[in-house]
Amino acid sequence: MPMNANIIIDLNQIQLLIILILVFILAVLIVIVINRIVVAMKLAGVRRRGRKGEMLAKKHLLKMGYTIIDQQISLTCAMMIDQESRKFQLRADFLVSKNNLLGVVEVKSGQDVSRPWHIDTRRQLLEYFHYYRADFLLLYNSAQDKLQEIYFPAAVR
């Protein structure tokens, strides 16, 4: 009889362990789903803010006398890595003209990235300067309704 009692206790412990493992797995799955929902909501907010910023930029550009040639202009570019060509895409927010000059406009709505010296913004503008070969670059800060002309002079050595 004592041996059967030990087997029952062991079976109860195994059942409890299995239940705890299943609860843990369920909790992990719930956390993953909640995390994905939160990320999707944040991205939706960023996209909304971006669309709003582009609408504000368009109004501002027209008010300042720029002609909007195109929006969301994709450009396929290439770079060489160890003598192998790699293609990538650039997408500027606006292609504009004024006084027979061609310009590229980037719209930013976030606080940090709206600053032209922010590393990601600066690099993005430098890519536009190099690949679009526009006469001028403009950065529009939608939070401040501010348009800045950006220029990259030749490097000083």
Protein backbone atom coordinates (compact mmCIF):
# COMPACT_ATOMS: atom_id res chain seq x y z
CA MET A 1 0.00 0.00 0.00
CA PRO A 2 2.74 2.50 0.75
CA MET A 3 4.21 1.95 -2.74
CA ASN A 4 0.88 2.82 -4.42
CA ALA A 5 0.66 6.02 -2.36
CA ASN A 6 4.09 7.11 -3.64
CA ILE A 7 3.02 6.45 -7.23
CA ILE A 8 -0.13 8.56 -6.73
CA ILE A 9 1.89 11.41 -5.27
CA ASP A 10 4.37 11.20 -8.12
CA LEU A 11 1.54 11.22 -10.70
CA ASN A 12 -0.03 14.25 -8.98
CA GLN A 13 3.32 16.03 -9.00
CA ILE A 14 3.82 15.24 -12.70
CA GLN A 15 0.31 16.52 -13.51
CA LEU A 16 1.02 19.71 -11.56
CA LEU A 17 4.33 20.17 -13.36
CA ILE A 18 2.65 19.69 -16.76
CA ILE A 19 -0.05 22.24 -15.83
CA LEU A 20 2.61 24.75 -14.70
CA ILE A 21 4.53 24.30 -17.95
CA LEU A 22 1.36 24.81 -20.00
CA VAL A 23 0.46 27.93 -18.02
CA PHE A 24 3.97 29.29 -18.56
CA ILE A 25 3.78 28.64 -22.32
CA LEU A 26 0.35 30.31 -22.46
CA ALA A 27 1.67 33.34 -20.55
CA VAL A 28 4.62 33.66 -22.95
CA LEU A 29 2.26 33.50 -25.95
CA ILE A 30 0.02 36.16 -24.41
CA VAL A 31 3.02 38.46 -23.85
CA ILE A 32 4.13 37.96 -27.47
CA VAL A 33 0.66 38.80 -28.81
CA ILE A 34 0.34 41.89 -26.59
CA ASN A 35 3.81 43.05 -27.67
CA ARG A 36 2.89 42.70 -31.36
CA ILE A 37 -0.31 44.68 -30.79
CA VAL A 38 1.60 47.47 -29.02
CA VAL A 39 4.23 47.63 -31.80
CA ALA A 40 1.51 47.71 -34.48
CA MET A 41 -0.27 50.55 -32.67
CA LYS A 42 2.97 52.54 -32.39
CA LEU A 43 3.72 52.04 -36.09
CA ALA A 44 0.20 53.14 -37.00
CA GLY A 45 0.73 56.32 -34.97
CA VAL A 46 4.06 57.00 -36.69
CA ARG A 47 2.46 56.50 -40.11
CA ARG A 48 -0.43 58.83 -39.22
CA ARG A 49 2.00 61.47 -38.00
CA GLY A 50 4.07 61.03 -41.17
CA ARG A 51 1.04 61.47 -43.47
CA LYS A 52 -0.04 64.54 -41.52
CA GLY A 53 3.50 65.97 -41.72
CA GLU A 54 3.57 65.43 -45.49
CA MET A 55 0.22 67.23 -45.89
CA LEU A 56 1.55 70.17 -43.85
CA ALA A 57 4.78 70.18 -45.87
CA LYS A 58 2.88 70.24 -49.15
CA LYS A 59 0.87 73.29 -48.04
CA HIS A 60 4.02 75.02 -46.79
CA LEU A 61 5.97 74.31 -49.98
CA LEU A 62 3.18 75.64 -52.20
CA LYS A 63 2.83 78.72 -50.01
CA MET A 64 6.59 79.34 -50.37
CA GLY A 65 6.36 79.20 -54.17
CA TYR A 66 7.72 75.71 -54.83
CA THR A 67 6.21 73.58 -57.58
CA ILE A 68 5.66 69.99 -56.50
CA ILE A 69 6.81 67.71 -59.29
CA ASP A 70 6.22 64.39 -57.54
CA GLN A 71 5.71 62.74 -54.14
CA GLN A 72 7.27 59.59 -52.66
CA ILE A 73 9.80 59.31 -55.46
CA SER A 74 11.57 55.97 -55.46
CA LEU A 75 15.03 55.74 -56.88
CA THR A 76 16.92 52.50 -57.42
CA CYS A 77 20.57 53.01 -56.54
CA ALA A 78 23.61 50.80 -56.50
CA MET A 79 26.80 50.51 -54.54
CA MET A 80 29.83 48.30 -55.05
CA ILE A 81 30.88 45.92 -52.30
CA ASP A 82 34.05 43.97 -53.09
CA GLN A 83 33.46 44.54 -56.81
CA GLU A 84 29.89 43.24 -56.55
CA SER A 85 27.00 45.58 -57.29
CA ARG A 86 24.28 45.81 -54.63
CA LYS A 87 21.04 47.63 -55.35
CA PHE A 88 18.92 49.50 -52.82
CA GLN A 89 15.98 51.88 -52.84
CA LEU A 90 15.76 55.52 -51.80
CA ARG A 91 12.43 57.27 -51.40
CA ALA A 92 12.29 61.03 -51.05
CA ASP A 93 9.10 62.66 -49.83
CA PHE A 94 8.93 65.38 -52.51
CA LEU A 95 10.66 66.41 -55.69
CA VAL A 96 10.14 70.17 -56.16
CA SER A 97 11.26 73.01 -58.38
CA LYS A 98 11.70 76.73 -57.93
CA ASN A 99 13.47 79.24 -60.17
CA ASN A 100 14.29 76.46 -62.66
CA LEU A 101 16.19 74.52 -59.97
CA LEU A 102 15.38 70.98 -58.85
CA GLY A 103 15.09 70.15 -55.15
CA VAL A 104 14.48 67.16 -52.91
CA VAL A 105 12.41 67.56 -49.75
CA GLU A 106 12.49 65.26 -46.73
CA VAL A 107 9.70 65.58 -44.16
CA LYS A 108 10.34 64.73 -40.53
CA SER A 109 7.86 64.73 -37.68
CA GLY A 110 9.79 63.22 -34.79
CA GLN A 111 11.60 65.49 -32.35
CA ASP A 112 15.10 64.09 -32.72
CA VAL A 113 15.05 63.22 -36.42
CA SER A 114 13.72 66.68 -37.32
CA ARG A 115 17.16 68.05 -36.53
CA PRO A 116 19.42 68.03 -39.62
CA TRP A 117 22.46 67.07 -37.55
CA HIS A 118 20.74 63.92 -36.21
CA ILE A 119 22.89 61.06 -37.50
CA ASP A 120 20.11 59.21 -39.36
CA THR A 121 18.66 62.37 -40.89
CA ARG A 122 22.07 63.70 -41.89
CA ARG A 123 22.99 60.43 -43.59
CA GLN A 124 19.64 60.25 -45.35
CA LEU A 125 20.03 63.80 -46.67
CA LEU A 126 23.57 63.04 -47.78
CA GLU A 127 22.30 60.04 -49.76
CA TYR A 128 19.68 62.26 -51.40
CA PHE A 129 22.37 64.85 -52.20
CA HIS A 130 24.52 62.20 -53.83
CA TYR A 131 21.95 60.09 -55.71
CA TYR A 132 19.17 62.50 -56.69
CA ARG A 133 21.70 65.10 -57.90
CA ALA A 134 19.27 67.88 -57.05
CA ASP A 135 20.25 71.53 -56.99
CA PHE A 136 19.08 71.89 -53.40
CA LEU A 137 17.85 69.88 -50.41
CA LEU A 138 15.08 70.93 -48.03
CA LEU A 139 14.21 69.47 -44.65
CA TYR A 140 10.70 70.15 -43.39
CA ASN A 141 10.07 69.86 -39.64
CA SER A 142 6.31 69.35 -39.37
CA ALA A 143 6.24 69.82 -35.58
CA GLN A 144 7.61 73.37 -35.97
CA ASP A 145 6.29 74.08 -39.49
CA LYS A 146 9.88 74.90 -40.40
CA LEU A 147 11.61 74.48 -43.75
CA GLN A 148 15.41 74.40 -43.80
CA GLU A 149 17.73 74.41 -46.79
CA ILE A 150 20.54 71.88 -46.41
CA TYR A 151 23.82 72.04 -48.27
CA PHE A 152 26.88 69.80 -48.06
CA PRO A 153 30.01 71.74 -49.04
CA ALA A 154 33.09 69.86 -50.16
CA ALA A 155 35.00 68.28 -47.30
CA VAL A 156 37.74 70.41 -45.79
CA ARG A 157 40.94 68.47 -45.24
